[in-house]
Amino acid sequence: MSINGLRELYPDFKRAATYFIIGFRQQGGTVRDNLSIIGSEVVMSFSGRDSAGLAGIVVHEYVHTQQSKPDFRNINVLTSSIREGACDFISELVLRKDLTLPYIKYGLKNEVAVWKVFVQDMLSTANDFWVGTGNNPLLPEKD
């Protein structure tokens, strides 16, 4: 599947495990060391029957297992956004298909408005508004 494509693209590839869980509709995905955890009920709510959407999320979270781990308590929004964007970009390379997740569609359609809000927060540590499944009161789509 797509993890083999990641291995081909990335020579320093490290093996990681992926688990699909059903939880409390909190997160679509998260990573703990070399473990990628996919919140199935969240992912399926926005990827539906689109297997490319599901594969994109799986690859995205797997890419996080390959990244170095910053001090998440002190990381700014810009750094978090670059880390997340890199995962989406690599997912698209691996799958050879654009991701069509809700936050991507919204961002492309509303780029100017999102940028105006983003530049106000990008050097802050207000990551809950921008990364993960947190809500930003100024933007309608969750990451």
Foldseek 3Di string as FASTA:
>chain_A
DLVVLVCVVDVVDDAAEEEEDADDLAFQWADDQRYIYGHVVNQCVFCPPPVLQVQLVVQLSNVVNVDDDDPLVQDFQQVVVVSSVVSQVVSCVSVVHHHDTPVVVQCVVPVVQVVVVCVVGRGPSVCLCADTQHPNPSDDDGD
